[in-house]
N, C-alpha and C. Protein backbone atom coordinates (compact mmCIF):
# COMPACT_ATOMS: atom_id res chain seq x y z
N GLY A 1 87.32 144.96 126.01
CA GLY A 1 87.85 144.81 125.64
C GLY A 1 87.37 143.40 124.90
N ALA A 2 87.59 142.66 123.99
CA ALA A 2 87.40 141.60 123.24
C ALA A 2 87.64 140.67 124.43
N LEU A 3 86.83 139.06 124.27
CA LEU A 3 87.44 138.26 125.06
C LEU A 3 88.57 137.73 124.46
N LEU A 4 88.59 136.83 123.16
CA LEU A 4 88.96 136.60 122.49
C LEU A 4 89.40 137.65 121.14
N ALA A 5 90.06 137.40 120.43
CA ALA A 5 91.21 137.64 119.41
C ALA A 5 90.10 137.43 118.16
N ASP A 6 89.44 136.03 117.27
CA ASP A 6 88.85 136.25 116.45
C ASP A 6 88.36 134.77 116.46
N ASP A 7 87.28 134.38 115.33
CA ASP A 7 86.18 133.26 115.64
C ASP A 7 86.93 132.12 115.55
N SER A 8 88.36 132.14 115.16
CA SER A 8 88.88 130.93 115.56
C SER A 8 89.09 130.60 116.53
N ASP A 9 88.98 131.98 117.53
CA ASP A 9 89.83 131.44 118.85
C ASP A 9 88.47 131.09 119.83
N VAL A 10 87.71 131.33 119.43
CA VAL A 10 86.59 131.04 120.16
C VAL A 10 86.17 129.90 119.99
N GLU A 11 86.41 129.40 118.70
CA GLU A 11 85.96 127.62 118.58
C GLU A 11 86.67 126.79 118.98
N GLN A 12 88.36 127.38 119.37
CA GLN A 12 88.79 126.58 119.81
C GLN A 12 88.51 125.92 121.68
N LEU A 13 87.74 127.93 121.91
CA LEU A 13 87.83 127.21 123.15
C LEU A 13 86.54 126.79 123.50
N GLY A 14 85.29 126.59 122.51
CA GLY A 14 83.74 126.27 122.00
C GLY A 14 84.33 124.65 122.61
N VAL A 15 85.51 124.10 121.56
CA VAL A 15 85.31 122.89 121.42
C VAL A 15 85.46 121.74 123.29
N VAL A 16 86.95 123.29 124.33
CA VAL A 16 87.14 122.49 125.17
C VAL A 16 85.58 122.63 126.21
N CYS A 17 84.63 124.05 126.12
CA CYS A 17 83.89 123.71 126.78
C CYS A 17 82.64 122.78 125.99
N SER A 18 82.72 122.42 125.04
CA SER A 18 81.89 121.41 124.72
C SER A 18 81.78 119.91 125.44
N ARG A 19 83.50 119.95 125.47
CA ARG A 19 83.66 118.57 126.95
C ARG A 19 83.91 118.64 128.09
N ARG A 20 83.47 119.77 128.36
CA ARG A 20 83.42 119.76 129.73
C ARG A 20 82.41 120.88 130.45
N PRO A 21 81.19 120.24 130.06
CA PRO A 21 79.84 121.06 130.78
C PRO A 21 79.54 120.91 132.12
N ASP A 22 81.18 120.19 132.68
CA ASP A 22 80.86 120.44 134.12
C ASP A 22 81.82 121.81 134.89
N LEU A 23 81.98 122.89 133.97
CA LEU A 23 83.03 124.15 134.07
C LEU A 23 82.33 125.18 133.53
N THR A 24 82.27 126.85 133.77
CA THR A 24 81.62 127.57 133.16
C THR A 24 83.13 127.82 132.24
N ARG A 25 82.97 129.03 131.32
CA ARG A 25 83.72 129.31 130.50
C ARG A 25 84.94 130.04 130.95
N ALA A 26 84.32 130.84 132.47
CA ALA A 26 85.76 131.23 133.12
C ALA A 26 86.69 130.75 133.74
N GLN A 27 85.72 129.22 133.96
CA GLN A 27 86.67 128.66 134.94
C GLN A 27 87.81 127.99 134.16
N ILE A 28 87.26 127.43 133.00
CA ILE A 28 88.51 126.73 132.08
C ILE A 28 89.01 127.82 131.69
N LEU A 29 89.12 129.33 131.82
CA LEU A 29 90.28 130.22 131.45
C LEU A 29 91.05 129.81 132.33
N LEU A 30 90.26 129.79 133.82
CA LEU A 30 91.52 130.41 135.03
C LEU A 30 92.30 128.95 135.40
N LEU A 31 91.59 127.64 134.88
CA LEU A 31 92.16 126.40 134.72
C LEU A 31 93.12 126.53 134.27
N TRP A 32 93.47 127.26 133.29
CA TRP A 32 94.06 126.60 131.87
C TRP A 32 95.34 127.54 132.25
N GLY A 33 95.42 128.91 132.99
CA GLY A 33 95.72 130.16 133.79
C GLY A 33 96.79 129.26 134.82
N LEU A 34 96.32 128.46 135.82
CA LEU A 34 96.45 128.15 136.94
C LEU A 34 97.68 126.99 136.24
N GLN A 35 97.17 126.55 135.84
CA GLN A 35 97.67 124.89 134.99
C GLN A 35 98.71 125.56 134.66
N HIS A 36 99.36 126.02 134.11
CA HIS A 36 100.30 126.58 133.55
C HIS A 36 101.54 127.34 134.23
N GLY A 37 100.90 127.77 136.21
CA GLY A 37 101.56 127.88 136.94
C GLY A 37 101.70 129.40 136.96
N ALA A 38 100.63 130.38 136.12
CA ALA A 38 100.50 132.18 136.29
C ALA A 38 99.61 132.23 137.27
N ALA A 39 99.75 133.55 137.43
CA ALA A 39 99.08 133.94 138.73
C ALA A 39 97.74 134.42 138.45
N VAL A 40 96.73 133.77 138.79
CA VAL A 40 96.00 134.27 137.67
C VAL A 40 94.77 135.23 139.19
N ILE A 41 94.51 136.32 138.99
CA ILE A 41 93.77 136.98 140.02
C ILE A 41 92.17 137.53 139.05
N PRO A 42 91.40 136.37 139.59
CA PRO A 42 90.67 136.78 138.80
C PRO A 42 89.25 137.79 139.87
N LYS A 43 88.81 138.67 139.05
CA LYS A 43 87.96 139.62 139.12
C LYS A 43 86.71 138.60 139.43
N ALA A 44 85.68 138.72 140.36
CA ALA A 44 84.20 138.46 140.94
C ALA A 44 83.10 139.52 141.00
N THR A 45 81.98 139.35 140.75
CA THR A 45 81.55 139.95 140.00
C THR A 45 79.89 140.12 141.43
N SER A 46 80.23 139.14 141.73
CA SER A 46 79.52 138.44 142.21
C SER A 46 79.35 137.64 143.38
N ASP A 47 79.11 137.38 144.67
CA ASP A 47 79.61 136.03 145.45
C ASP A 47 78.87 134.73 144.15
N ARG A 48 78.33 134.82 143.61
CA ARG A 48 78.42 133.47 142.84
C ARG A 48 79.53 133.38 142.37
N HIS A 49 79.78 134.40 141.40
CA HIS A 49 81.06 134.20 141.06
C HIS A 49 82.50 133.52 141.37
N LEU A 50 81.99 134.48 142.70
CA LEU A 50 83.30 133.83 143.18
C LEU A 50 83.55 132.77 143.92
N GLN A 51 82.35 131.50 144.24
CA GLN A 51 81.90 130.57 144.79
C GLN A 51 82.86 129.73 143.64
N ASP A 52 82.30 129.95 142.12
CA ASP A 52 82.98 129.40 140.96
C ASP A 52 84.44 129.95 140.62
N ASN A 53 84.45 130.57 141.19
CA ASN A 53 86.26 131.07 140.84
C ASN A 53 86.77 129.74 142.25
N ILE A 54 86.36 129.55 143.51
CA ILE A 54 87.23 129.15 143.90
C ILE A 54 87.35 127.44 143.85
N ALA A 55 85.46 127.05 143.16
CA ALA A 55 85.47 125.96 142.86
C ALA A 55 85.93 125.56 142.34
N ALA A 56 86.42 126.10 140.85
CA ALA A 56 87.66 125.61 139.94
C ALA A 56 88.52 125.30 139.94
N ALA A 57 89.32 125.29 141.44
CA ALA A 57 90.87 124.25 141.97
C ALA A 57 90.01 123.20 142.17
N ASP A 58 89.38 122.86 142.14
CA ASP A 58 88.88 121.02 142.81
C ASP A 58 88.82 120.81 140.83
N TYR A 59 89.59 121.09 140.34
CA TYR A 59 89.35 120.78 138.90
C TYR A 59 90.04 120.67 137.86
N ARG A 60 90.91 119.83 136.87
CA ARG A 60 91.57 119.82 136.13
C ARG A 60 91.66 119.51 134.79
N LEU A 61 92.47 120.33 133.77
CA LEU A 61 91.90 120.43 133.07
C LEU A 61 92.67 118.91 131.73
N SER A 62 93.06 117.91 130.96
CA SER A 62 93.54 117.22 130.18
C SER A 62 94.68 117.85 129.63
N ALA A 63 95.38 116.71 129.13
CA ALA A 63 96.67 117.31 128.68
C ALA A 63 95.64 118.06 126.88
N ASP A 64 95.25 117.32 126.71
CA ASP A 64 94.68 117.36 125.27
C ASP A 64 93.87 118.88 125.67
N GLU A 65 93.25 118.56 126.64
CA GLU A 65 91.86 120.23 127.41
C GLU A 65 93.72 121.26 126.76
N MET A 66 94.12 121.03 127.24
CA MET A 66 95.31 122.29 127.48
C MET A 66 95.84 122.67 126.44
N ALA A 67 96.44 121.78 125.16
CA ALA A 67 96.33 121.90 123.88
C ALA A 67 96.11 122.33 122.85
N ILE A 68 94.49 121.99 123.29
CA ILE A 68 93.65 123.15 122.41
C ILE A 68 93.51 124.95 122.90
N LEU A 69 94.02 124.75 123.99
CA LEU A 69 93.63 126.18 124.08
C LEU A 69 95.02 126.74 124.48
N ASP A 70 96.35 125.98 124.40
CA ASP A 70 98.03 126.52 124.18
C ASP A 70 97.63 126.71 122.85
N ASP A 71 96.88 126.50 121.69
CA ASP A 71 96.85 126.71 120.14
C ASP A 71 96.45 128.31 120.20
N ILE A 72 95.31 128.73 121.07
CA ILE A 72 94.68 129.80 121.00
C ILE A 72 95.71 130.67 120.65
N GLY A 73 95.70 131.78 119.68
CA GLY A 73 96.14 132.95 119.57
C GLY A 73 97.99 132.60 119.57
N LYS A 74 98.46 132.22 118.71
CA LYS A 74 99.44 131.08 118.48
C LYS A 74 100.37 132.81 117.99
N LEU A 75 99.84 134.16 117.48
CA LEU A 75 100.97 135.41 117.26
C LEU A 75 101.81 135.68 118.16
N PRO A 76 102.93 136.22 117.51
CA PRO A 76 103.98 136.66 119.12
C PRO A 76 103.13 137.88 119.58
N GLU A 77 103.70 137.87 120.92
CA GLU A 77 103.54 138.89 121.84
C GLU A 77 102.16 138.95 121.46
N ARG A 78 100.95 137.88 121.82
CA ARG A 78 99.75 138.32 121.99
C ARG A 78 99.65 138.00 123.63
N ARG A 79 98.53 139.15 124.44
CA ARG A 79 98.12 138.47 125.14
C ARG A 79 96.37 138.73 125.56
N TYR A 80 96.22 137.90 126.30
CA TYR A 80 95.18 138.09 127.18
C TYR A 80 94.29 138.51 128.20
N CYS A 81 93.72 139.29 128.41
CA CYS A 81 92.67 139.85 129.29
C CYS A 81 91.46 139.46 129.05
N TRP A 82 90.56 139.12 130.22
CA TRP A 82 88.27 139.02 129.69
C TRP A 82 88.10 139.98 131.01
N ASN A 83 87.01 140.02 130.51
CA ASN A 83 86.42 140.72 131.82
C ASN A 83 85.33 139.23 132.47
N ALA A 84 85.05 139.01 133.91
CA ALA A 84 84.68 137.77 133.92
C ALA A 84 83.42 138.29 134.19
N ALA A 85 82.72 139.49 134.05
CA ALA A 85 81.40 139.85 133.93
C ALA A 85 80.70 139.31 132.58
N ASN A 86 81.33 139.38 131.27
CA ASN A 86 81.17 138.60 130.29
C ASN A 86 81.20 137.30 129.92
N VAL A 87 81.56 136.75 130.55
CA VAL A 87 81.48 135.04 130.80
C VAL A 87 81.13 134.73 131.74
N ALA A 88 80.16 133.76 130.69
CA ALA A 88 78.97 133.25 131.50
C ALA A 88 79.17 131.73 132.19
């Protein structure tokens, strides 16, 4: 499946990624879910990905960054699932 629904979604994620070069896209998406209190179960395809997933817990996204990500996919009943193997 696709990571995000359309180009505007990708642009919004890109805005946050450009502000946070210390985090991978996968870590940003994990943090977004965790900071919303979601039970996030990431898939790790390698030891490096597993370590990246664990390290994400040491960071926080700002309220502004969360708001940018919250605006992604404002269509009703929209759900996202990403394959971590495709997220660098």
